[in-house]
Protein backbone atom coordinates (compact mmCIF):
# COMPACT_ATOMS: atom_id res chain seq x y z
CA MET A 1 -34.07 -21.00 -86.80
CA LEU A 2 -33.56 -19.25 -83.46
CA LYS A 3 -36.92 -16.73 -82.11
CA PRO A 4 -35.87 -13.46 -81.71
CA ASN A 5 -36.12 -12.20 -78.29
CA ARG A 6 -38.56 -9.42 -78.83
CA LYS A 7 -41.31 -8.91 -76.37
CA ARG A 8 -44.95 -7.53 -77.53
CA LEU A 9 -45.58 -4.17 -75.49
CA SER A 10 -49.31 -2.94 -74.90
CA ILE A 11 -50.03 0.64 -74.92
CA ASP A 12 -52.21 1.62 -72.69
CA GLN A 13 -54.84 3.93 -74.02
CA ASP A 14 -54.60 6.66 -71.05
CA ALA A 15 -50.78 7.38 -71.97
CA ALA A 16 -51.57 7.66 -75.69
CA PRO A 17 -49.68 10.96 -77.10
CA GLY A 18 -53.04 12.22 -77.78
CA ASN A 19 -53.78 12.15 -74.50
CA ARG A 20 -50.96 14.33 -72.93
CA ARG A 21 -52.51 18.35 -73.17
CA GLY A 22 -52.98 18.51 -69.87
CA CYS A 23 -49.35 19.84 -69.80
CA LEU A 24 -49.74 22.25 -72.75
CA VAL A 25 -52.95 23.43 -70.97
CA THR A 26 -51.33 24.63 -68.17
CA GLY A 27 -48.35 25.74 -69.63
CA ALA A 28 -50.48 28.53 -72.17
CA ILE A 29 -52.62 29.57 -69.05
CA LEU A 30 -49.00 30.43 -67.24
CA GLY A 31 -47.92 31.92 -70.37
CA VAL A 32 -50.88 34.35 -70.66
CA LEU A 33 -50.84 35.29 -67.12
CA ALA A 34 -46.98 35.92 -66.69
CA GLY A 35 -47.48 38.06 -69.66
CA PHE A 36 -50.70 39.41 -68.41
CA ILE A 37 -48.02 40.77 -65.13
CA VAL A 38 -45.17 41.96 -67.60
CA GLY A 39 -47.76 44.06 -69.64
CA LEU A 40 -49.79 45.72 -66.96
CA PHE A 41 -46.14 46.19 -64.03
CA VAL A 42 -43.26 45.96 -66.20
CA ILE A 43 -43.76 47.99 -69.43
CA PRO A 44 -45.57 51.02 -68.46
CA PRO A 45 -42.67 52.58 -65.98
CA LEU A 46 -39.96 51.44 -68.67
CA ILE A 47 -41.91 53.27 -71.09
CA ASN A 48 -42.09 56.37 -68.85
CA ARG A 49 -38.43 55.65 -67.69
CA TYR A 50 -37.00 56.50 -71.50
CA PHE A 51 -40.04 58.04 -73.38
CA ALA A 52 -41.49 60.38 -70.62
CA ASP A 53 -42.06 63.83 -71.49
CA ASN A 54 -39.00 65.77 -70.03
CA PRO A 55 -40.68 69.33 -67.54
CA ILE A 56 -38.99 72.38 -68.46
CA GLN A 57 -37.76 74.14 -65.86
CA PRO A 58 -38.59 78.16 -65.47
CA GLY A 59 -36.35 79.81 -66.91
CA GLN A 60 -34.84 77.67 -69.00
CA PRO A 61 -35.72 77.93 -72.56
CA TYR A 62 -37.62 75.48 -75.09
CA GLU A 63 -37.62 75.47 -78.43
CA ALA A 64 -40.91 75.35 -80.29
CA GLU A 65 -41.44 75.05 -84.12
CA ASN A 66 -42.14 78.49 -84.47
CA ALA A 67 -40.01 80.26 -81.65
CA VAL A 68 -37.84 80.28 -78.16
CA ILE A 69 -40.59 80.06 -75.32
CA THR A 70 -38.83 80.34 -71.47
CA LEU A 71 -41.46 81.05 -68.20
CA GLN A 72 -40.43 83.89 -67.20
CA LYS A 73 -42.75 84.22 -63.70
CA VAL A 74 -45.81 83.36 -62.12
CA SER A 75 -48.17 86.01 -60.50
CA VAL A 76 -51.69 86.24 -58.55
CA VAL A 77 -53.09 89.72 -59.73
CA GLY A 78 -56.92 89.87 -58.33
CA GLU A 79 -58.63 86.79 -59.67
CA ILE A 80 -56.28 86.75 -62.15
CA LEU A 81 -53.18 83.83 -61.99
CA GLU A 82 -51.13 85.36 -64.24
CA VAL A 83 -47.91 83.31 -66.36
CA GLU A 84 -45.57 85.73 -67.83
CA LEU A 85 -43.37 83.93 -70.72
CA ILE A 86 -41.12 85.25 -72.94
CA ILE A 87 -41.04 85.05 -76.85
CA ASP A 88 -38.66 84.59 -79.56
CA ALA A 89 -40.23 83.79 -82.46
CA PHE A 90 -38.52 82.21 -85.75
CA SER A 91 -41.53 82.51 -87.86
CA ASP A 92 -44.58 84.12 -87.52
CA TRP A 93 -47.04 82.45 -85.30
CA LYS A 94 -50.65 82.28 -84.08
CA PRO A 95 -51.52 80.73 -81.13
CA VAL A 96 -54.55 80.85 -79.68
CA HIS A 97 -55.51 81.11 -76.03
CA THR A 98 -57.29 77.61 -75.82
CA ASP A 99 -53.36 76.45 -76.76
CA PHE A 100 -52.41 77.15 -73.08
CA THR A 101 -53.44 75.02 -70.36
CA ILE A 102 -52.52 74.68 -66.62
CA LYS A 103 -52.84 70.98 -65.53
CA PHE A 104 -52.66 69.85 -61.90
CA SER A 105 -51.27 66.63 -60.42
CA ASP A 106 -54.76 65.57 -59.86
CA ASP A 107 -55.43 65.74 -63.58
CA GLU A 108 -57.69 68.95 -63.69
CA VAL A 109 -56.99 71.08 -66.30
CA PHE A 110 -57.66 74.86 -66.89
CA GLU A 111 -57.60 77.02 -69.82
CA ALA A 112 -55.49 80.09 -70.06
CA LEU A 113 -58.39 83.41 -70.71
CA PRO A 114 -59.39 85.48 -74.40
CA VAL A 115 -57.02 87.61 -75.49
CA ASP A 116 -57.78 90.97 -73.69
CA PRO A 117 -58.24 94.42 -75.54
CA LYS A 118 -57.36 96.71 -72.63
CA VAL A 119 -53.63 94.07 -71.66
CA PRO A 120 -51.56 94.68 -74.65
CA LEU A 121 -49.06 91.72 -73.71
CA THR A 122 -51.83 88.94 -74.07
CA GLU A 123 -51.65 90.07 -77.65
CA LEU A 124 -51.41 86.18 -78.66
CA THR A 125 -49.72 87.05 -82.51
CA PHE A 126 -46.22 87.05 -82.88
CA LEU A 127 -44.54 87.95 -86.66
CA ALA A 128 -41.15 86.10 -87.53
CA GLY A 129 -37.95 87.99 -85.61
CA GLU A 130 -39.92 89.47 -83.00
CA SER A 131 -39.02 88.79 -79.30
CA ARG A 132 -41.64 90.23 -76.93
CA THR A 133 -43.29 89.04 -73.55
CA LEU A 134 -46.87 87.26 -73.36
CA LEU A 135 -48.47 87.67 -70.40
CA LEU A 136 -51.25 84.34 -70.28
CA ARG A 137 -54.53 85.41 -67.74
CA PHE A 138 -56.04 82.06 -66.06
CA PRO A 139 -59.20 82.39 -63.70
CA ARG A 140 -57.67 82.17 -60.33
CA PHE A 141 -58.52 78.83 -58.92
CA ASP A 142 -57.47 77.23 -55.29
CA LEU A 143 -53.40 78.04 -55.71
CA THR A 144 -52.05 75.05 -54.59
CA ILE A 145 -49.95 74.86 -57.87
CA TYR A 146 -47.52 72.12 -56.71
CA GLY A 147 -46.80 69.66 -59.03
CA ALA A 148 -48.99 72.56 -61.70
CA VAL A 149 -47.27 72.42 -64.96
CA LEU A 150 -47.73 74.70 -68.12
CA LEU A 151 -48.69 73.23 -71.13
CA LEU A 152 -48.90 73.94 -74.76
CA ALA A 153 -50.58 72.09 -76.97
CA ASP A 154 -49.08 71.70 -79.85
CA GLU A 155 -45.55 71.10 -78.63
CA ASP A 156 -46.16 68.82 -76.04
CA ALA A 157 -43.98 71.01 -73.94
CA GLN A 158 -44.64 71.06 -70.16
CA PHE A 159 -43.18 73.96 -67.81
CA LEU A 160 -43.07 73.89 -64.42
CA PHE A 161 -43.94 76.69 -62.40
CA PRO A 162 -41.17 78.73 -60.19
């Protein structure tokens, strides 16, 4: 009979499939680093672009759950910053003064002052169908209101100052 022309090859231990994990480890490390970079630098701008709050321009009405709110004007009277809103209530609504805050670009926040019984426009009770002016009063601060917004807590609304 004829002999087969086969050669027997010896398998090196260094070339064995069980010892070739260097590529997998390197790929895993690079994948984690790429995911970290994408998560840190790519995802936040995309979320801000598609899901960011659009600030409400002065004079533009905002339809909240209980009322339509329009920022009319901002003025300084003595040691008080006054913000005038026009409120058209759909249903009975009783916000509290801490629902209204001013936020600056450096994340400094000021809450509205409590209701002043001497100033009827500061009253925070609205009846269904009522339309009137609300005067919010804030303690005076360094009046650099560029970049400042009026925030309404329960609605996530941001009103830009005129």
